[in-house]
Amino acid sequence: MLPPDEPMGTVACTVNGRAVSGRAPLRQTLVEWLRADLGLTGSHVGCAHGVCGACHVRLDGAVVRGCLVLAVQADGAAVETIEAATGPEITALQAEFVRHAALQCGFCTPGMLLQAAELLRQDSTPTREAIREALSGNYCRCTGYQPIIDAVQAAAAVLQPGSTSSVATPRQSIS
């Protein structure tokens, strides 16, 4: 919590394709501003030290840790949060995360999806080791990581040209 007399700055940027502007305390992080001022709560504040990856957002097209970027530093930038993340990588990853039970509590999932999508844009056929390396800055307390790695690898396969795989539909729950 910032003190009430915290100096303020202005932020005018594009968030999820929409022009926004406002004021933010100079020490307020981008993820805090997105959550508190814009109501975009998909990115989470986990460790607040840039270690866990729960706060990932795209800033001018690159995945960054929203807890290490000040809101005022996003002035003039394009910000994309998980709420607006689209594209074949995100679609495939979401389906495969469900199919492989790669999410449980869901706290880490937005950051994992953004980071994994970035990996798949850069490397369409990543090895399991490359997936581990790309996601090494994202903590998950629930899954043990293997289902996440399986899901990313399956999403990569679905995205291959000529793939006979299709984006899986979520499994029905058994009552």
N, C-alpha and C. Protein backbone atom coordinates (compact mmCIF):
# COMPACT_ATOMS: atom_id res chain seq x y z
N MET A 1 0.84 -1.18 0.00
CA MET A 1 0.00 0.00 0.00
C MET A 1 0.89 1.24 0.00
N LEU A 2 0.62 2.12 -0.96
CA LEU A 2 1.41 3.34 -1.07
C LEU A 2 0.83 4.42 -0.15
N PRO A 3 1.69 5.29 0.37
CA PRO A 3 1.18 6.36 1.23
C PRO A 3 0.28 7.31 0.44
N PRO A 4 -0.67 7.96 1.12
CA PRO A 4 -1.63 8.84 0.42
C PRO A 4 -0.97 10.05 -0.24
N ASP A 5 0.20 10.45 0.23
CA ASP A 5 0.87 11.62 -0.34
C ASP A 5 1.90 11.24 -1.41
N GLU A 6 1.79 10.03 -1.92
CA GLU A 6 2.72 9.55 -2.96
C GLU A 6 2.63 10.46 -4.19
N PRO A 7 3.76 10.92 -4.73
CA PRO A 7 3.73 11.73 -5.96
C PRO A 7 3.08 10.94 -7.10
N MET A 8 2.36 11.67 -7.95
CA MET A 8 1.60 11.03 -9.03
C MET A 8 2.21 11.37 -10.38
N GLY A 9 1.97 10.48 -11.34
CA GLY A 9 2.36 10.69 -12.72
C GLY A 9 1.19 10.34 -13.61
N THR A 10 1.33 10.62 -14.89
CA THR A 10 0.26 10.30 -15.83
C THR A 10 0.65 9.09 -16.66
N VAL A 11 -0.36 8.36 -17.06
CA VAL A 11 -0.18 7.20 -17.92
C VAL A 11 -1.22 7.30 -19.03
N ALA A 12 -0.76 7.35 -20.25
CA ALA A 12 -1.64 7.31 -21.42
C ALA A 12 -1.07 6.23 -22.33
N CYS A 13 -1.81 5.16 -22.48
CA CYS A 13 -1.32 4.03 -23.27
C CYS A 13 -2.51 3.31 -23.89
N THR A 14 -2.20 2.26 -24.61
CA THR A 14 -3.23 1.41 -25.17
C THR A 14 -3.22 0.11 -24.38
N VAL A 15 -4.36 -0.25 -23.82
CA VAL A 15 -4.48 -1.49 -23.07
C VAL A 15 -5.52 -2.36 -23.75
N ASN A 16 -5.09 -3.51 -24.19
CA ASN A 16 -5.97 -4.45 -24.89
C ASN A 16 -6.70 -3.79 -26.05
N GLY A 17 -5.94 -2.95 -26.79
CA GLY A 17 -6.48 -2.30 -27.97
C GLY A 17 -7.30 -1.06 -27.72
N ARG A 18 -7.42 -0.65 -26.47
CA ARG A 18 -8.25 0.50 -26.11
C ARG A 18 -7.36 1.59 -25.51
N ALA A 19 -7.51 2.80 -25.99
CA ALA A 19 -6.74 3.92 -25.43
C ALA A 19 -7.25 4.22 -24.02
N VAL A 20 -6.33 4.31 -23.09
CA VAL A 20 -6.67 4.64 -21.70
C VAL A 20 -5.69 5.69 -21.20
N SER A 21 -6.14 6.44 -20.23
CA SER A 21 -5.24 7.39 -19.59
C SER A 21 -5.69 7.58 -18.16
N GLY A 22 -4.76 7.96 -17.35
CA GLY A 22 -5.07 8.18 -15.95
C GLY A 22 -3.83 8.61 -15.19
N ARG A 23 -3.99 8.68 -13.90
CA ARG A 23 -2.88 9.05 -13.04
C ARG A 23 -2.53 7.83 -12.19
N ALA A 24 -1.27 7.76 -11.85
CA ALA A 24 -0.81 6.64 -11.04
C ALA A 24 0.30 7.13 -10.11
N PRO A 25 0.33 6.62 -8.90
CA PRO A 25 1.46 6.94 -8.03
C PRO A 25 2.76 6.52 -8.72
N LEU A 26 3.80 7.30 -8.57
CA LEU A 26 5.05 7.03 -9.27
C LEU A 26 5.63 5.65 -8.96
N ARG A 27 5.35 5.12 -7.79
CA ARG A 27 5.89 3.81 -7.41
C ARG A 27 4.91 2.66 -7.63
N GLN A 28 3.75 2.93 -8.21
CA GLN A 28 2.78 1.86 -8.45
C GLN A 28 3.21 1.04 -9.65
N THR A 29 3.17 -0.28 -9.48
CA THR A 29 3.58 -1.15 -10.58
C THR A 29 2.49 -1.22 -11.65
N LEU A 30 2.91 -1.65 -12.82
CA LEU A 30 1.97 -1.78 -13.93
C LEU A 30 0.87 -2.77 -13.60
N VAL A 31 1.22 -3.92 -13.02
CA VAL A 31 0.19 -4.92 -12.70
C VAL A 31 -0.79 -4.39 -11.65
N GLU A 32 -0.31 -3.64 -10.68
CA GLU A 32 -1.21 -3.05 -9.69
C GLU A 32 -2.15 -2.04 -10.34
N TRP A 33 -1.63 -1.22 -11.24
CA TRP A 33 -2.45 -0.22 -11.93
C TRP A 33 -3.50 -0.90 -12.81
N LEU A 34 -3.09 -1.94 -13.54
CA LEU A 34 -4.05 -2.66 -14.38
C LEU A 34 -5.18 -3.25 -13.54
N ARG A 35 -4.82 -3.82 -12.41
CA ARG A 35 -5.81 -4.46 -11.54
C ARG A 35 -6.70 -3.42 -10.84
N ALA A 36 -6.08 -2.45 -10.18
CA ALA A 36 -6.83 -1.51 -9.34
C ALA A 36 -7.56 -0.44 -10.15
N ASP A 37 -6.91 0.12 -11.13
CA ASP A 37 -7.50 1.25 -11.85
C ASP A 37 -8.32 0.82 -13.06
N LEU A 38 -7.91 -0.26 -13.71
CA LEU A 38 -8.62 -0.67 -14.93
C LEU A 38 -9.48 -1.92 -14.73
N GLY A 39 -9.40 -2.55 -13.58
CA GLY A 39 -10.22 -3.72 -13.29
C GLY A 39 -9.81 -4.96 -14.07
N LEU A 40 -8.59 -4.99 -14.57
CA LEU A 40 -8.09 -6.15 -15.33
C LEU A 40 -7.33 -7.04 -14.35
N THR A 41 -8.03 -8.03 -13.82
CA THR A 41 -7.49 -8.83 -12.72
C THR A 41 -6.94 -10.19 -13.16
N GLY A 42 -6.80 -10.40 -14.46
CA GLY A 42 -6.27 -11.68 -14.94
C GLY A 42 -4.81 -11.90 -14.57
N SER A 43 -4.01 -10.86 -14.64
CA SER A 43 -2.62 -10.95 -14.19
C SER A 43 -2.61 -10.77 -12.69
N HIS A 44 -1.81 -11.57 -12.02
CA HIS A 44 -1.83 -11.58 -10.55
C HIS A 44 -0.57 -10.99 -9.96
N VAL A 45 -0.68 -10.51 -8.74
CA VAL A 45 0.48 -10.07 -7.97
C VAL A 45 0.83 -11.25 -7.08
N GLY A 46 1.94 -11.87 -7.36
CA GLY A 46 2.38 -13.02 -6.58
C GLY A 46 3.46 -12.60 -5.61
N CYS A 47 4.70 -12.67 -6.06
CA CYS A 47 5.84 -12.38 -5.18
C CYS A 47 6.15 -10.90 -5.10
N ALA A 48 5.76 -10.11 -6.11
CA ALA A 48 6.04 -8.68 -6.21
C ALA A 48 7.54 -8.38 -6.30
N HIS A 49 8.33 -9.40 -6.68
CA HIS A 49 9.78 -9.22 -6.81
C HIS A 49 10.31 -9.73 -8.15
N GLY A 50 9.43 -10.06 -9.09
CA GLY A 50 9.86 -10.51 -10.40
C GLY A 50 10.32 -11.95 -10.46
N VAL A 51 9.91 -12.76 -9.51
CA VAL A 51 10.39 -14.14 -9.45
C VAL A 51 9.35 -15.14 -9.94
N CYS A 52 8.07 -14.93 -9.67
CA CYS A 52 7.07 -15.99 -9.86
C CYS A 52 6.39 -16.02 -11.22
N GLY A 53 6.35 -14.92 -11.97
CA GLY A 53 5.72 -14.91 -13.28
C GLY A 53 4.22 -14.74 -13.31
N ALA A 54 3.58 -14.62 -12.15
CA ALA A 54 2.12 -14.49 -12.12
C ALA A 54 1.64 -13.16 -12.70
N CYS A 55 2.53 -12.19 -12.78
CA CYS A 55 2.16 -10.84 -13.20
C CYS A 55 2.43 -10.56 -14.68
N HIS A 56 2.75 -11.58 -15.46
CA HIS A 56 3.13 -11.35 -16.85
C HIS A 56 2.05 -10.62 -17.64
N VAL A 57 2.50 -9.66 -18.44
CA VAL A 57 1.69 -8.96 -19.43
C VAL A 57 2.59 -8.75 -20.64
N ARG A 58 2.00 -8.40 -21.76
CA ARG A 58 2.80 -8.02 -22.92
C ARG A 58 2.90 -6.50 -22.93
N LEU A 59 4.10 -6.01 -23.10
CA LEU A 59 4.37 -4.57 -23.19
C LEU A 59 5.07 -4.35 -24.53
N ASP A 60 4.40 -3.63 -25.42
CA ASP A 60 4.91 -3.42 -26.78
C ASP A 60 5.31 -4.75 -27.42
N GLY A 61 4.50 -5.77 -27.21
CA GLY A 61 4.68 -7.05 -27.86
C GLY A 61 5.57 -8.05 -27.14
N ALA A 62 6.27 -7.63 -26.10
CA ALA A 62 7.16 -8.54 -25.37
C ALA A 62 6.57 -8.87 -24.01
N VAL A 63 6.68 -10.12 -23.59
CA VAL A 63 6.20 -10.52 -22.27
C VAL A 63 7.15 -9.94 -21.22
N VAL A 64 6.57 -9.23 -20.25
CA VAL A 64 7.34 -8.63 -19.16
C VAL A 64 6.67 -8.97 -17.83
N ARG A 65 7.41 -8.80 -16.79
CA ARG A 65 6.88 -8.98 -15.44
C ARG A 65 6.27 -7.64 -15.01
N GLY A 66 4.95 -7.65 -14.89
CA GLY A 66 4.22 -6.41 -14.57
C GLY A 66 4.53 -5.85 -13.20
N CYS A 67 5.14 -6.65 -12.33
CA CYS A 67 5.50 -6.14 -11.00
C CYS A 67 6.85 -5.43 -11.01
N LEU A 68 7.59 -5.54 -12.11
CA LEU A 68 8.89 -4.88 -12.21
C LEU A 68 8.86 -3.66 -13.12
N VAL A 69 7.69 -3.39 -13.70
CA VAL A 69 7.50 -2.23 -14.55
C VAL A 69 6.57 -1.27 -13.80
N LEU A 70 6.98 -0.04 -13.71
CA LEU A 70 6.10 0.96 -13.08
C LEU A 70 5.01 1.36 -14.08
N ALA A 71 3.85 1.67 -13.57
CA ALA A 71 2.74 2.07 -14.44
C ALA A 71 3.14 3.25 -15.31
N VAL A 72 3.83 4.23 -14.74
CA VAL A 72 4.22 5.42 -15.52
C VAL A 72 5.21 5.07 -16.63
N GLN A 73 5.90 3.94 -16.52
CA GLN A 73 6.81 3.52 -17.59
C GLN A 73 6.04 3.00 -18.80
N ALA A 74 4.79 2.68 -18.63
CA ALA A 74 3.97 2.20 -19.75
C ALA A 74 3.37 3.35 -20.55
N ASP A 75 3.65 4.58 -20.15
CA ASP A 75 3.13 5.74 -20.87
C ASP A 75 3.55 5.66 -22.34
N GLY A 76 2.58 5.71 -23.24
CA GLY A 76 2.84 5.64 -24.67
C GLY A 76 2.99 4.24 -25.23
N ALA A 77 2.90 3.24 -24.39
CA ALA A 77 3.11 1.85 -24.81
C ALA A 77 1.80 1.16 -25.15
N ALA A 78 1.93 -0.02 -25.71
CA ALA A 78 0.80 -0.92 -25.95
C ALA A 78 0.92 -2.05 -24.94
N VAL A 79 -0.12 -2.22 -24.13
CA VAL A 79 -0.14 -3.26 -23.10
C VAL A 79 -1.22 -4.26 -23.47
N GLU A 80 -0.90 -5.54 -23.35
CA GLU A 80 -1.89 -6.59 -23.57
C GLU A 80 -1.89 -7.50 -22.36
N THR A 81 -3.06 -7.74 -21.81
CA THR A 81 -3.21 -8.64 -20.67
C THR A 81 -3.83 -9.94 -21.13
N ILE A 82 -3.86 -10.89 -20.25
CA ILE A 82 -4.44 -12.20 -20.59
C ILE A 82 -5.90 -12.07 -21.01
N GLU A 83 -6.60 -11.06 -20.52
CA GLU A 83 -8.01 -10.88 -20.88
C GLU A 83 -8.20 -10.70 -22.39
N ALA A 84 -7.19 -10.14 -23.07
CA ALA A 84 -7.33 -9.88 -24.50
C ALA A 84 -6.38 -10.73 -25.35
N ALA A 85 -5.63 -11.60 -24.73
CA ALA A 85 -4.68 -12.42 -25.47
C ALA A 85 -5.43 -13.33 -26.44
N THR A 86 -5.05 -13.28 -27.69
CA THR A 86 -5.70 -14.09 -28.71
C THR A 86 -4.63 -14.68 -29.62
N GLY A 87 -5.07 -15.42 -30.56
CA GLY A 87 -4.17 -16.00 -31.54
C GLY A 87 -4.16 -17.50 -31.43
N PRO A 88 -3.64 -18.16 -32.43
CA PRO A 88 -3.66 -19.62 -32.45
C PRO A 88 -2.90 -20.24 -31.29
N GLU A 89 -1.80 -19.61 -30.86
CA GLU A 89 -1.03 -20.17 -29.75
C GLU A 89 -1.85 -20.18 -28.47
N ILE A 90 -2.49 -19.06 -28.17
CA ILE A 90 -3.30 -18.97 -26.94
C ILE A 90 -4.46 -19.97 -27.01
N THR A 91 -5.13 -20.04 -28.15
CA THR A 91 -6.27 -20.95 -28.29
C THR A 91 -5.83 -22.39 -28.07
N ALA A 92 -4.74 -22.78 -28.71
CA ALA A 92 -4.24 -24.15 -28.57
C ALA A 92 -3.78 -24.41 -27.14
N LEU A 93 -3.07 -23.47 -26.55
CA LEU A 93 -2.59 -23.65 -25.18
C LEU A 93 -3.75 -23.78 -24.19
N GLN A 94 -4.76 -22.94 -24.32
CA GLN A 94 -5.89 -23.03 -23.40
C GLN A 94 -6.54 -24.41 -23.48
N ALA A 95 -6.77 -24.89 -24.68
CA ALA A 95 -7.40 -26.20 -24.85
C ALA A 95 -6.52 -27.31 -24.28
N GLU A 96 -5.23 -27.24 -24.55
CA GLU A 96 -4.33 -28.30 -24.08
C GLU A 96 -4.09 -28.22 -22.58
N PHE A 97 -4.12 -27.04 -22.00
CA PHE A 97 -4.02 -26.93 -20.54
C PHE A 97 -5.19 -27.65 -19.88
N VAL A 98 -6.37 -27.49 -20.46
CA VAL A 98 -7.54 -28.19 -19.92
C VAL A 98 -7.40 -29.70 -20.15
N ARG A 99 -7.07 -30.08 -21.37
CA ARG A 99 -6.98 -31.49 -21.72
C ARG A 99 -5.93 -32.23 -20.89
N HIS A 100 -4.85 -31.57 -20.56
CA HIS A 100 -3.75 -32.21 -19.81
C HIS A 100 -3.81 -31.91 -18.31
N ALA A 101 -4.89 -31.31 -17.85
CA ALA A 101 -5.03 -30.94 -16.42
C ALA A 101 -3.81 -30.15 -15.96
N ALA A 102 -3.42 -29.18 -16.77
CA ALA A 102 -2.24 -28.37 -16.50
C ALA A 102 -2.54 -27.13 -15.66
N LEU A 103 -3.72 -27.10 -15.08
CA LEU A 103 -4.06 -26.02 -14.18
C LEU A 103 -4.90 -26.59 -13.05
N GLN A 104 -4.69 -26.05 -11.90
CA GLN A 104 -5.50 -26.46 -10.76
C GLN A 104 -6.08 -25.21 -10.12
N CYS A 105 -5.31 -24.51 -9.33
CA CYS A 105 -5.88 -23.31 -8.70
C CYS A 105 -6.02 -22.17 -9.71
N GLY A 106 -5.19 -22.16 -10.76
CA GLY A 106 -5.29 -21.15 -11.80
C GLY A 106 -4.51 -19.88 -11.56
N PHE A 107 -3.89 -19.73 -10.42
CA PHE A 107 -3.18 -18.49 -10.11
C PHE A 107 -2.05 -18.23 -11.09
N CYS A 108 -1.29 -19.25 -11.43
CA CYS A 108 -0.14 -19.08 -12.32
C CYS A 108 -0.52 -19.13 -13.80
N THR A 109 -1.71 -19.61 -14.11
CA THR A 109 -2.07 -19.93 -15.48
C THR A 109 -1.97 -18.75 -16.44
N PRO A 110 -2.46 -17.55 -16.13
CA PRO A 110 -2.33 -16.45 -17.09
C PRO A 110 -0.88 -16.18 -17.48
N GLY A 111 0.00 -16.14 -16.51
CA GLY A 111 1.41 -15.92 -16.80
C GLY A 111 2.02 -17.05 -17.60
N MET A 112 1.65 -18.28 -17.25
CA MET A 112 2.13 -19.45 -17.99
C MET A 112 1.68 -19.38 -19.45
N LEU A 113 0.41 -19.04 -19.68
CA LEU A 113 -0.11 -18.98 -21.04
C LEU A 113 0.60 -17.93 -21.87
N LEU A 114 0.80 -16.74 -21.31
CA LEU A 114 1.49 -15.68 -22.06
C LEU A 114 2.92 -16.08 -22.37
N GLN A 115 3.62 -16.64 -21.39
CA GLN A 115 5.01 -17.04 -21.61
C GLN A 115 5.11 -18.19 -22.60
N ALA A 116 4.23 -19.17 -22.49
CA ALA A 116 4.24 -20.31 -23.40
C ALA A 116 3.89 -19.87 -24.83
N ALA A 117 2.94 -18.96 -24.97
CA ALA A 117 2.59 -18.45 -26.30
C ALA A 117 3.78 -17.73 -26.92
N GLU A 118 4.50 -16.98 -26.12
CA GLU A 118 5.71 -16.30 -26.61
C GLU A 118 6.72 -17.34 -27.11
N LEU A 119 6.91 -18.40 -26.34
CA LEU A 119 7.82 -19.47 -26.75
C LEU A 119 7.38 -20.06 -28.08
N LEU A 120 6.09 -20.38 -28.22
CA LEU A 120 5.61 -21.01 -29.45
C LEU A 120 5.69 -20.08 -30.66
N ARG A 121 5.66 -18.78 -30.44
CA ARG A 121 5.86 -17.84 -31.54
C ARG A 121 7.31 -17.85 -32.00
N GLN A 122 8.22 -18.07 -31.06
CA GLN A 122 9.65 -18.05 -31.37
C GLN A 122 10.17 -19.41 -31.82
N ASP A 123 9.57 -20.48 -31.32
CA ASP A 123 10.03 -21.85 -31.60
C ASP A 123 8.80 -22.73 -31.75
N SER A 124 8.48 -23.08 -32.97
CA SER A 124 7.25 -23.84 -33.21
C SER A 124 7.35 -25.30 -32.81
N THR A 125 8.55 -25.80 -32.59
CA THR A 125 8.73 -27.20 -32.17
C THR A 125 9.71 -27.28 -31.00
N PRO A 126 9.34 -26.69 -29.88
CA PRO A 126 10.28 -26.68 -28.75
C PRO A 126 10.44 -28.07 -28.13
N THR A 127 11.65 -28.35 -27.68
CA THR A 127 11.90 -29.59 -26.94
C THR A 127 11.34 -29.42 -25.53
N ARG A 128 11.22 -30.51 -24.82
CA ARG A 128 10.77 -30.43 -23.43
C ARG A 128 11.74 -29.57 -22.62
N GLU A 129 13.02 -29.67 -22.91
CA GLU A 129 14.02 -28.86 -22.20
C GLU A 129 13.82 -27.37 -22.52
N ALA A 130 13.54 -27.04 -23.78
CA ALA A 130 13.29 -25.64 -24.16
C ALA A 130 12.03 -25.11 -23.47
N ILE A 131 11.02 -25.95 -23.34
CA ILE A 131 9.79 -25.54 -22.64
C ILE A 131 10.11 -25.28 -21.17
N ARG A 132 10.84 -26.20 -20.55
CA ARG A 132 11.23 -26.01 -19.14
C ARG A 132 12.00 -24.70 -18.97
N GLU A 133 12.94 -24.45 -19.86
CA GLU A 133 13.75 -23.23 -19.78
C GLU A 133 12.87 -21.99 -19.93
N ALA A 134 11.99 -21.99 -20.93
CA ALA A 134 11.13 -20.83 -21.18
C ALA A 134 10.20 -20.54 -20.01
N LEU A 135 9.75 -21.59 -19.33
CA LEU A 135 8.80 -21.43 -18.22
C LEU A 135 9.49 -21.43 -16.86
N SER A 136 10.81 -21.41 -16.84
CA SER A 136 11.54 -21.51 -15.57
C SER A 136 11.30 -20.33 -14.64
N GLY A 137 10.84 -19.23 -15.16
CA GLY A 137 10.53 -18.08 -14.32
C GLY A 137 9.08 -17.99 -13.90
N ASN A 138 8.34 -19.08 -14.10
CA ASN A 138 6.93 -19.13 -13.73
C ASN A 138 6.75 -20.22 -12.68
N TYR A 139 6.32 -19.83 -11.50
CA TYR A 139 6.11 -20.80 -10.43
C TYR A 139 4.70 -21.35 -10.44
N CYS A 140 4.59 -22.63 -10.17
CA CYS A 140 3.30 -23.28 -10.01
C CYS A 140 3.40 -24.18 -8.79
N ARG A 141 2.52 -23.98 -7.86
CA ARG A 141 2.54 -24.79 -6.64
C ARG A 141 1.67 -26.04 -6.74
N CYS A 142 0.86 -26.14 -7.77
CA CYS A 142 -0.15 -27.20 -7.80
C CYS A 142 0.19 -28.38 -8.70
N THR A 143 0.71 -28.12 -9.90
CA THR A 143 0.72 -29.18 -10.91
C THR A 143 1.96 -30.04 -10.94
N GLY A 144 3.06 -29.60 -10.38
CA GLY A 144 4.30 -30.36 -10.51
C GLY A 144 4.95 -30.16 -11.87
N TYR A 145 4.46 -29.25 -12.68
CA TYR A 145 5.00 -28.82 -13.97
C TYR A 145 4.87 -29.82 -15.11
N GLN A 146 4.87 -31.12 -14.88
CA GLN A 146 4.83 -32.07 -15.99
C GLN A 146 3.58 -31.89 -16.85
N PRO A 147 2.39 -31.71 -16.26
CA PRO A 147 1.22 -31.49 -17.12
C PRO A 147 1.32 -30.19 -17.94
N ILE A 148 1.98 -29.19 -17.39
CA ILE A 148 2.16 -27.93 -18.12
C ILE A 148 3.07 -28.17 -19.32
N ILE A 149 4.17 -28.85 -19.10
CA ILE A 149 5.10 -29.15 -20.19
C ILE A 149 4.40 -30.01 -21.25
N ASP A 150 3.64 -31.00 -20.80
CA ASP A 150 2.87 -31.84 -21.73
C ASP A 150 1.91 -30.99 -22.56
N ALA A 151 1.23 -30.05 -21.91
CA ALA A 151 0.24 -29.21 -22.60
C ALA A 151 0.91 -28.31 -23.64
N VAL A 152 2.05 -27.73 -23.28
CA VAL A 152 2.76 -26.86 -24.24
C VAL A 152 3.25 -27.68 -25.42
N GLN A 153 3.77 -28.85 -25.16
CA GLN A 153 4.24 -29.71 -26.23
C GLN A 153 3.08 -30.14 -27.13
N ALA A 154 1.94 -30.46 -26.54
CA ALA A 154 0.76 -30.84 -27.33
C ALA A 154 0.25 -29.65 -28.15
N ALA A 155 0.25 -28.45 -27.57
CA ALA A 155 -0.17 -27.26 -28.31
C ALA A 155 0.75 -27.01 -29.50
N ALA A 156 2.03 -27.22 -29.31
CA ALA A 156 2.99 -27.05 -30.42
C ALA A 156 2.65 -28.03 -31.54
N ALA A 157 2.31 -29.26 -31.19
CA ALA A 157 1.96 -30.26 -32.20
C ALA A 157 0.69 -29.87 -32.95
N VAL A 158 -0.30 -29.36 -32.22
CA VAL A 158 -1.56 -28.93 -32.84
C VAL A 158 -1.33 -27.81 -33.84
N LEU A 159 -0.36 -26.95 -33.54
CA LEU A 159 -0.11 -25.77 -34.38
C LEU A 159 0.74 -26.07 -35.62
N GLN A 160 1.27 -27.27 -35.73
CA GLN A 160 2.12 -27.61 -36.87
C GLN A 160 1.30 -27.64 -38.16
N PRO A 161 1.84 -27.05 -39.22
CA PRO A 161 1.15 -27.11 -40.52
C PRO A 161 0.93 -28.58 -40.91
N GLY A 162 -0.25 -28.87 -41.39
CA GLY A 162 -0.57 -30.22 -41.81
C GLY A 162 -0.88 -31.17 -40.66
N SER A 163 -0.92 -30.65 -39.45
CA SER A 163 -1.21 -31.49 -38.29
C SER A 163 -2.62 -32.05 -38.41
N THR A 164 -2.75 -33.32 -38.09
CA THR A 164 -4.08 -33.93 -38.09
C THR A 164 -4.76 -33.72 -36.75
N SER A 165 -3.99 -33.18 -35.80
CA SER A 165 -4.58 -32.85 -34.49
C SER A 165 -5.39 -31.59 -34.63
N SER A 166 -6.37 -31.47 -33.81
CA SER A 166 -7.13 -30.22 -33.75
C SER A 166 -7.16 -29.79 -32.31
N VAL A 167 -7.53 -28.56 -32.11
CA VAL A 167 -7.61 -28.06 -30.76
C VAL A 167 -8.68 -28.87 -30.05
N ALA A 168 -8.27 -29.50 -28.97
CA ALA A 168 -9.17 -30.37 -28.23
C ALA A 168 -10.24 -29.58 -27.52
N THR A 169 -11.39 -30.19 -27.38
CA THR A 169 -12.44 -29.57 -26.59
C THR A 169 -12.28 -30.04 -25.16
N PRO A 170 -12.65 -29.21 -24.19
CA PRO A 170 -12.51 -29.62 -22.79
C PRO A 170 -13.28 -30.90 -22.50
N ARG A 171 -12.74 -31.70 -21.61
CA ARG A 171 -13.41 -32.93 -21.19
C ARG A 171 -14.65 -32.60 -20.38
N GLN A 172 -15.63 -33.45 -20.50
CA GLN A 172 -16.83 -33.33 -19.68
C GLN A 172 -16.48 -33.82 -18.27
N SER A 173 -17.00 -33.15 -17.27
CA SER A 173 -16.75 -33.65 -15.92
C SER A 173 -17.64 -34.87 -15.66
N ILE A 174 -17.11 -35.77 -14.89
CA ILE A 174 -17.85 -36.99 -14.54
C ILE A 174 -18.59 -36.74 -13.26
N SER A 175 -19.88 -36.91 -13.29
CA SER A 175 -20.69 -36.67 -12.10
C SER A 175 -20.85 -37.93 -11.29
